[in-house]
Protein backbone atom coordinates (compact mmCIF):
# COMPACT_ATOMS: atom_id res chain seq x y z
CA UNK A 1 20.64 -9.76 -7.04
CA UNK A 2 20.97 -11.32 -3.63
CA UNK A 3 19.13 -14.37 -2.76
CA UNK A 4 16.96 -12.76 -0.22
CA UNK A 5 16.07 -10.00 -2.70
CA UNK A 6 15.09 -12.58 -5.39
CA UNK A 7 12.83 -14.24 -2.84
CA UNK A 8 11.21 -10.85 -2.08
CA UNK A 9 10.51 -10.10 -5.62
CA UNK A 10 8.89 -13.68 -6.16
CA UNK A 11 6.88 -12.97 -3.04
CA UNK A 12 5.58 -9.78 -4.44
CA UNK A 13 4.72 -11.36 -7.72
CA UNK A 14 2.54 -13.95 -6.00
CA UNK A 15 0.79 -11.46 -4.00
CA UNK A 16 0.14 -9.39 -7.25
CA UNK A 17 -0.94 -12.55 -9.05
CA UNK A 18 -3.75 -13.40 -6.73
CA UNK A 19 -4.71 -9.86 -6.52
CA UNK A 20 -6.29 -10.12 -9.93
CA UNK A 21 -8.81 -12.53 -8.67
CA UNK A 22 -9.46 -10.37 -5.74
CA UNK A 23 -10.10 -7.35 -8.05
CA UNK A 24 -12.46 -9.44 -10.11
CA UNK A 25 -14.48 -9.98 -7.03
CA UNK A 26 -14.27 -6.44 -6.00
CA UNK A 27 -15.58 -5.35 -9.40
CA UNK A 28 -18.75 -7.22 -8.62
CA UNK A 29 -19.26 -4.80 -5.62
CA UNK A 30 -17.99 -1.45 -6.90
CA UNK A 31 -17.85 0.57 -9.98
CA UNK A 32 -14.09 0.33 -11.12
CA UNK A 33 -12.96 4.05 -10.62
CA UNK A 34 -14.72 4.15 -7.18
CA UNK A 35 -13.10 0.79 -6.29
CA UNK A 36 -9.68 2.20 -7.20
CA UNK A 37 -10.25 5.32 -5.12
CA UNK A 38 -11.31 3.32 -2.04
CA UNK A 39 -8.25 1.05 -2.56
CA UNK A 40 -5.83 3.92 -2.33
CA UNK A 41 -7.82 5.60 0.57
CA UNK A 42 -7.52 2.67 2.65
CA UNK A 43 -3.94 2.23 1.82
CA UNK A 44 -3.12 5.98 2.80
CA UNK A 45 -5.44 6.16 6.00
CA UNK A 46 -4.47 5.86 8.82
CA UNK A 47 -0.80 5.35 7.59
CA UNK A 48 0.01 8.79 6.67
CA UNK A 49 -0.21 9.68 10.29
CA UNK A 50 2.39 7.21 11.45
CA UNK A 51 5.08 6.96 8.63
CA UNK A 52 6.16 10.70 8.98
CA UNK A 53 6.46 13.32 6.14
CA UNK A 54 7.69 12.17 2.74
CA UNK A 55 11.46 11.59 2.40
CA UNK A 56 11.66 12.62 -1.11
CA UNK A 57 10.58 15.86 -3.17
CA UNK A 58 6.81 16.29 -3.52
CA UNK A 59 7.26 16.26 -7.26
CA UNK A 60 8.04 12.59 -7.18
CA UNK A 61 5.16 11.58 -4.71
CA UNK A 62 2.68 13.46 -6.96
CA UNK A 63 4.06 12.13 -10.11
CA UNK A 64 4.25 8.53 -9.20
CA UNK A 65 0.71 8.96 -7.35
CA UNK A 66 -0.91 10.22 -10.63
CA UNK A 67 0.73 7.74 -13.08
CA UNK A 68 0.51 4.71 -10.95
CA UNK A 69 -2.56 5.42 -9.12
CA UNK A 70 -4.79 7.38 -11.37
CA UNK A 71 -3.58 6.29 -14.71
CA UNK A 72 -2.43 2.59 -14.34
CA UNK A 73 -4.95 1.40 -11.92
CA UNK A 74 -7.83 3.28 -13.24
CA UNK A 75 -7.10 2.00 -16.72
CA UNK A 76 -6.69 -1.64 -15.29
CA UNK A 77 -9.91 -1.65 -13.40
CA UNK A 78 -11.94 -0.21 -16.25
CA UNK A 79 -10.38 -2.69 -18.55
CA UNK A 80 -11.22 -5.77 -16.37
CA UNK A 81 -14.75 -4.22 -15.73
CA UNK A 82 -15.21 -3.99 -19.64
CA UNK A 83 -14.64 -7.92 -19.83
CA UNK A 84 -10.85 -8.55 -19.63
CA UNK A 85 -10.59 -11.82 -17.65
CA UNK A 86 -8.42 -11.76 -14.45
CA UNK A 87 -6.01 -14.44 -15.48
CA UNK A 88 -5.38 -12.72 -19.05
CA UNK A 89 -5.19 -9.29 -17.44
CA UNK A 90 -2.33 -10.65 -15.10
CA UNK A 91 -0.38 -11.90 -18.31
CA UNK A 92 -0.93 -8.94 -20.40
CA UNK A 93 -0.16 -6.39 -17.91
CA UNK A 94 3.37 -7.83 -17.47
CA UNK A 95 4.47 -6.27 -20.86
CA UNK A 96 5.23 -3.37 -18.41
CA UNK A 97 8.68 -4.89 -18.15
CA UNK A 98 9.35 -4.09 -21.83
CA UNK A 99 7.95 -0.46 -21.25
CA UNK A 100 10.22 -0.04 -18.36
CA UNK A 101 13.34 -1.17 -20.10
CA UNK A 102 12.57 1.26 -22.90
CA UNK A 103 11.97 4.24 -20.62
CA UNK A 104 14.84 3.44 -18.56
CA UNK A 105 16.99 3.48 -21.41
CA UNK A 106 15.84 6.91 -22.35
CA UNK A 107 15.70 8.42 -19.03
CA UNK A 108 18.28 6.62 -16.92
CA UNK A 109 20.76 5.54 -19.45
CA UNK A 110 20.35 1.76 -18.61
CA UNK A 111 21.18 0.24 -22.11
CA UNK A 112 20.04 -3.40 -22.40
CA UNK A 113 22.37 -6.01 -23.88
CA UNK A 114 21.76 -8.26 -26.77
CA UNK A 115 20.19 -11.11 -24.55
CA UNK A 116 17.92 -8.67 -22.81
CA UNK A 117 16.78 -7.21 -26.05
CA UNK A 118 16.07 -10.85 -27.20
CA UNK A 119 14.22 -11.52 -24.10
CA UNK A 120 12.08 -8.32 -24.57
CA UNK A 121 11.30 -9.45 -28.11
CA UNK A 122 10.13 -12.95 -26.80
CA UNK A 123 7.98 -11.14 -24.25
CA UNK A 124 6.42 -8.99 -27.08
CA UNK A 125 5.73 -12.19 -29.08
CA UNK A 126 3.85 -13.60 -26.03
CA UNK A 127 1.69 -10.36 -25.91
CA UNK A 128 0.89 -10.61 -29.73
CA UNK A 129 -0.11 -14.39 -29.15
CA UNK A 130 -2.33 -13.29 -26.18
CA UNK A 131 -3.80 -10.42 -28.38
CA UNK A 132 -4.76 -12.91 -31.08
CA UNK A 133 -6.34 -15.29 -28.50
CA UNK A 134 -8.33 -12.32 -26.92
CA UNK A 135 -9.45 -11.11 -30.46
CA UNK A 136 -11.15 -14.15 -31.12
CA UNK A 137 -12.93 -14.52 -27.71
CA UNK A 138 -13.24 -11.04 -25.97
CA UNK A 139 -13.45 -7.32 -26.45
CA UNK A 140 -10.21 -5.81 -27.94
CA UNK A 141 -10.96 -2.33 -26.32
CA UNK A 142 -10.46 -3.92 -22.81
CA UNK A 143 -7.29 -5.55 -23.96
CA UNK A 144 -6.16 -2.20 -25.25
CA UNK A 145 -6.85 -0.55 -21.77
CA UNK A 146 -4.65 -3.18 -20.04
CA UNK A 147 -1.89 -2.54 -22.47
CA UNK A 148 -2.08 1.37 -21.77
CA UNK A 149 -2.07 0.42 -17.99
CA UNK A 150 1.10 -1.65 -18.56
CA UNK A 151 2.83 1.44 -20.21
CA UNK A 152 1.68 3.63 -17.29
CA UNK A 153 3.26 1.22 -14.81
CA UNK A 154 6.53 1.43 -16.80
CA UNK A 155 6.53 5.14 -16.48
CA UNK A 156 5.96 4.97 -12.63
CA UNK A 157 8.80 2.27 -12.32
CA UNK A 158 11.23 4.73 -13.87
CA UNK A 159 9.79 7.73 -11.78
CA UNK A 160 10.39 5.60 -8.69
CA UNK A 161 14.05 4.87 -9.58
CA UNK A 162 14.47 8.52 -10.26
CA UNK A 163 13.08 9.53 -6.77
CA UNK A 164 15.25 6.96 -4.94
CA UNK A 165 13.13 7.00 -1.79
CA UNK A 166 15.19 5.90 1.21
CA UNK A 167 12.13 4.62 2.89
CA UNK A 168 9.92 2.60 0.62
CA UNK A 169 6.90 2.18 2.89
CA UNK A 170 6.82 5.85 3.77
CA UNK A 171 6.79 6.73 -0.07
CA UNK A 172 4.17 4.17 -1.12
CA UNK A 173 1.73 5.40 1.79
CA UNK A 174 2.21 8.99 0.49
CA UNK A 175 1.92 8.03 -3.12
CA UNK A 176 -1.53 6.30 -2.23
CA UNK A 177 -2.76 9.56 -0.75
CA UNK A 178 -2.37 11.28 -4.28
CA UNK A 179 -5.01 9.38 -6.42
CA UNK A 180 -7.80 9.37 -3.95
CA UNK A 181 -9.58 12.78 -4.93
CA UNK A 182 -8.69 12.53 -8.73
CA UNK A 183 -10.23 9.04 -8.83
CA UNK A 184 -13.35 10.10 -6.84
CA UNK A 185 -13.86 12.97 -9.19
CA UNK A 186 -13.57 10.73 -12.23
CA UNK A 187 -15.93 8.24 -10.56
CA UNK A 188 -18.56 10.86 -9.97
CA UNK A 189 -18.10 12.13 -13.54
CA UNK A 190 -18.11 8.87 -15.45
CA UNK A 191 -19.89 6.48 -13.20
CA UNK A 192 -22.49 8.78 -11.50
CA UNK A 193 -23.13 9.63 -7.73
CA UNK A 194 -26.10 7.25 -7.91
CA UNK A 195 -23.93 4.15 -8.75
CA UNK A 196 -21.35 5.18 -6.01
CA UNK A 197 -23.80 5.65 -3.37
CA UNK A 198 -25.52 2.31 -4.28
CA UNK A 199 -22.19 0.38 -4.00
CA UNK A 200 -21.35 2.10 -0.56
CA UNK A 201 -24.78 1.27 0.82
CA UNK A 202 -24.43 -2.34 -0.19
CA UNK A 203 -21.14 -2.67 1.40
CA UNK A 204 -20.73 -6.03 3.25
CA UNK A 205 -17.75 -8.12 4.67
CA UNK A 206 -16.61 -9.37 1.32
CA UNK A 207 -16.35 -5.81 -0.06
CA UNK A 208 -14.40 -4.69 3.08
CA UNK A 209 -12.00 -7.63 2.81
CA UNK A 210 -11.39 -7.09 -0.89
CA UNK A 211 -10.62 -3.23 -0.24
CA UNK A 212 -8.33 -4.34 2.74
CA UNK A 213 -6.47 -6.84 0.60
CA UNK A 214 -5.70 -4.54 -2.47
CA UNK A 215 -4.89 -1.71 -0.27
CA UNK A 216 -2.70 -3.17 2.62
CA UNK A 217 -1.21 -6.35 1.03
CA UNK A 218 -0.92 -5.37 -2.53
CA UNK A 219 -0.28 -1.66 -2.45
CA UNK A 220 1.50 -0.97 0.86
CA UNK A 221 3.42 -4.26 1.03
CA UNK A 222 3.71 -5.03 -2.64
CA UNK A 223 4.65 -1.61 -4.12
CA UNK A 224 6.65 -0.79 -0.81
CA UNK A 225 8.89 -3.86 -1.39
CA UNK A 226 8.99 -3.18 -5.09
CA UNK A 227 10.14 0.40 -4.55
CA UNK A 228 13.03 -0.94 -2.24
CA UNK A 229 14.13 -3.17 -4.98
CA UNK A 230 14.06 -0.52 -7.66
CA UNK A 231 16.11 1.70 -5.38
CA UNK A 232 18.72 -0.95 -4.90
CA UNK A 233 18.93 -2.17 -8.50
CA UNK A 234 18.54 -0.99 -12.03
CA UNK A 235 14.90 -0.68 -13.17
CA UNK A 236 15.53 -2.91 -15.97
CA UNK A 237 16.64 -5.75 -13.59
CA UNK A 238 13.86 -5.65 -11.27
CA UNK A 239 10.90 -5.30 -13.80
CA UNK A 240 11.37 -8.61 -15.49
CA UNK A 241 10.58 -10.46 -12.09
CA UNK A 242 7.07 -9.09 -12.59
CA UNK A 243 6.56 -11.51 -15.45
CA UNK A 244 6.19 -14.22 -12.98
CA UNK A 245 2.82 -12.68 -11.90
CA UNK A 246 0.83 -14.49 -14.69
CA UNK A 247 2.08 -17.89 -13.04
CA UNK A 248 0.18 -16.87 -9.93
CA UNK A 249 -2.54 -14.98 -11.68
CA UNK A 250 -3.54 -17.53 -14.13
CA UNK A 251 -3.44 -20.27 -11.85
CA UNK A 252 -5.50 -18.63 -9.06
CA UNK A 253 -8.00 -17.43 -11.64
CA UNK A 254 -8.46 -21.02 -12.93
CA UNK A 255 -8.60 -22.57 -9.57
CA UNK A 256 -11.01 -19.81 -7.73
CA UNK A 257 -12.85 -18.42 -10.71
CA UNK A 258 -12.97 -21.44 -13.02
CA UNK A 259 -11.41 -19.36 -16.10
CA UNK A 260 -10.34 -21.70 -18.89
CA UNK A 261 -6.74 -21.40 -20.25
CA UNK A 262 -6.75 -21.86 -24.15
CA UNK A 263 -3.79 -23.53 -25.87
CA UNK A 264 -3.03 -19.95 -27.33
CA UNK A 265 -2.96 -18.46 -23.87
CA UNK A 266 -0.63 -21.28 -22.62
CA UNK A 267 1.64 -20.47 -25.54
CA UNK A 268 1.67 -16.64 -24.63
CA UNK A 269 2.42 -17.47 -20.94
CA UNK A 270 5.27 -19.69 -22.13
CA UNK A 271 6.71 -17.01 -24.38
CA UNK A 272 6.53 -14.46 -21.46
CA UNK A 273 8.06 -16.72 -18.92
CA UNK A 274 10.85 -17.44 -21.44
CA UNK A 275 11.36 -13.74 -21.93
CA UNK A 276 11.75 -13.07 -18.12
CA UNK A 277 14.39 -15.85 -17.94
CA UNK A 278 16.53 -14.26 -20.73
CA UNK A 279 16.12 -10.66 -19.34
CA UNK A 280 16.78 -11.74 -15.87
CA UNK A 281 19.95 -13.61 -16.60
CA UNK A 282 21.36 -10.88 -18.84
CA UNK A 283 23.35 -7.67 -17.84
CA UNK A 284 22.69 -4.03 -18.30
CA UNK A 285 25.32 -2.26 -20.30
CA UNK A 286 26.69 1.04 -18.57
CA UNK A 287 26.17 2.21 -15.06
CA UNK A 288 22.73 2.80 -13.56
CA UNK A 289 21.90 6.20 -12.22
CA UNK A 290 23.74 6.30 -8.77
CA UNK A 291 21.83 7.20 -5.62
CA UNK A 292 22.13 10.67 -4.40
CA UNK A 293 24.15 10.84 -1.11
CA UNK A 294 21.37 12.60 0.69
CA UNK A 295 19.06 9.52 0.19
CA UNK A 296 21.46 7.18 1.97
CA UNK A 297 20.65 5.94 5.55
CA UNK A 298 22.73 7.79 8.12
CA UNK A 299 24.22 4.81 9.87
CA UNK A 300 25.94 2.18 7.89
CA UNK A 301 25.96 -1.56 8.78
CA UNK A 302 28.68 -4.18 8.10
CA UNK A 303 29.06 -4.52 4.26
CA UNK A 304 28.03 -7.64 2.41
CA UNK A 305 29.19 -8.98 -0.97
CA UNK A 306 27.13 -7.46 -3.74
CA UNK A 307 26.39 -8.57 -7.28
CA UNK A 308 27.84 -6.75 -10.30
CA UNK A 309 24.43 -5.15 -11.00
CA UNK A 310 24.21 -3.97 -7.52
CA UNK A 311 27.65 -2.57 -7.62
CA UNK A 312 26.90 -0.76 -10.69
CA UNK A 313 23.62 0.74 -9.09
CA UNK A 314 25.55 1.74 -5.84
CA UNK A 315 29.17 2.30 -6.61
CA UNK A 316 30.57 3.10 -3.06
CA UNK A 317 31.17 0.65 -0.24
CA UNK A 318 29.40 2.82 2.11
CA UNK A 319 26.31 2.76 -0.08
CA UNK A 320 26.29 -0.93 -0.22
CA UNK A 321 26.50 -1.21 3.35
CA UNK A 322 23.80 1.16 4.11
CA UNK A 323 21.51 -0.75 1.72
CA UNK A 324 22.10 -4.01 3.40
CA UNK A 325 20.93 -2.47 6.68
CA UNK A 326 17.82 -1.22 4.96
CA UNK A 327 17.23 -4.50 3.29
CA UNK A 328 17.03 -6.21 6.71
CA UNK A 329 14.78 -3.45 7.90
CA UNK A 330 12.48 -3.68 4.92
CA UNK A 331 12.02 -7.29 5.21
CA UNK A 332 11.23 -7.09 8.92
CA UNK A 333 8.77 -4.29 8.32
CA UNK A 334 6.81 -6.42 5.91
CA UNK A 335 6.93 -9.49 7.88
CA UNK A 336 6.18 -8.06 11.28
CA UNK A 337 4.41 -4.66 10.60
CA UNK A 338 4.58 -1.98 13.17
CA UNK A 339 1.99 0.21 11.53
CA UNK A 340 -1.50 -0.57 10.92
CA UNK A 341 -1.31 0.10 7.15
CA UNK A 342 1.19 -2.87 6.60
CA UNK A 343 -1.21 -5.87 7.33
CA UNK A 344 -4.72 -6.67 6.40
CA UNK A 345 -7.08 -9.62 5.79
CA UNK A 346 -7.90 -10.93 2.49
CA UNK A 347 -11.70 -10.97 2.00
CA UNK A 348 -13.71 -14.14 0.99
CA UNK A 349 -14.72 -14.66 -2.67
CA UNK A 350 -18.01 -13.62 -3.62
CA UNK A 351 -20.29 -16.68 -4.45
CA UNK A 352 -21.21 -16.86 -8.14
CA UNK A 353 -18.67 -14.34 -9.21
CA UNK A 354 -18.15 -14.67 -12.97
CA UNK A 355 -14.54 -14.25 -14.35
CA UNK A 356 -15.70 -12.01 -17.19
CA UNK A 357 -18.24 -9.27 -17.94
CA UNK A 358 -20.45 -8.85 -20.84
């Protein structure tokens, strides 16, 4: 991967790490399924009126929207609401890198080499240590829900890779529109209209700020940039960077929520970070699924040198040149957004917010 793309991946992981603290605050204001629905509603509106029609088939938009929006975030928010701490959630969720590599091997033919398999084994050992730690101090059901959310994230990574959206921001905005009604329906069914109405009537500045952060910063920017990286590189090469999220998630949870980190949890974090190092430095055997010609930008820019993995993912010089132009465009978009959906303030933390729930 190019240096600028590595930096973009690390920035996304930082945004996602802090997001777990923001989610914890938001769960003090909203029921979990309603909170997730509001998050995607804010991410989709009014952006859908500015980004144009989807540039991939509707089956990909709907598929990623249901798997990522309804399943992954629904399970994550419910798990955290049931007592999974923010810092530990940020750690456990990153087992999605293993799920992604496994699903990519089946669906995309991206065969991991021996070093990457070792990295996956180290990461799984970290999850096992985290499970032991949580089993002695917290609810295992909440832990299992976050594991299930990680598996759904792995599926959505592979679907995004298959979709190969030429405009990651456009894709993420339309994906965000899909989960709103299903999540609202699930919230009315399981959380009840009374709880939803009470949360909406009590909406304050902190609640609005939380929704804007999780919608515009983590969803539109975060997944838009992530989708761009998945389009350019093999899914099993991009996904391991998400294992850096716990570094930011656990640190911010300790600093802002006062969550303690046990020796076992530090051990789990060390194993996961070691796993990302092994998987990131290794290579994938065999070519990645090439991008369809119809998904390439129309006007190529001057070509730049590409890594071996990028060359495997995009085998033609014209494709590499086109992706270079899009990389510059993507970075400019997320840095100086031209649409109202790409920017938003982070809300202040609610006073007295507890890092866990009974």
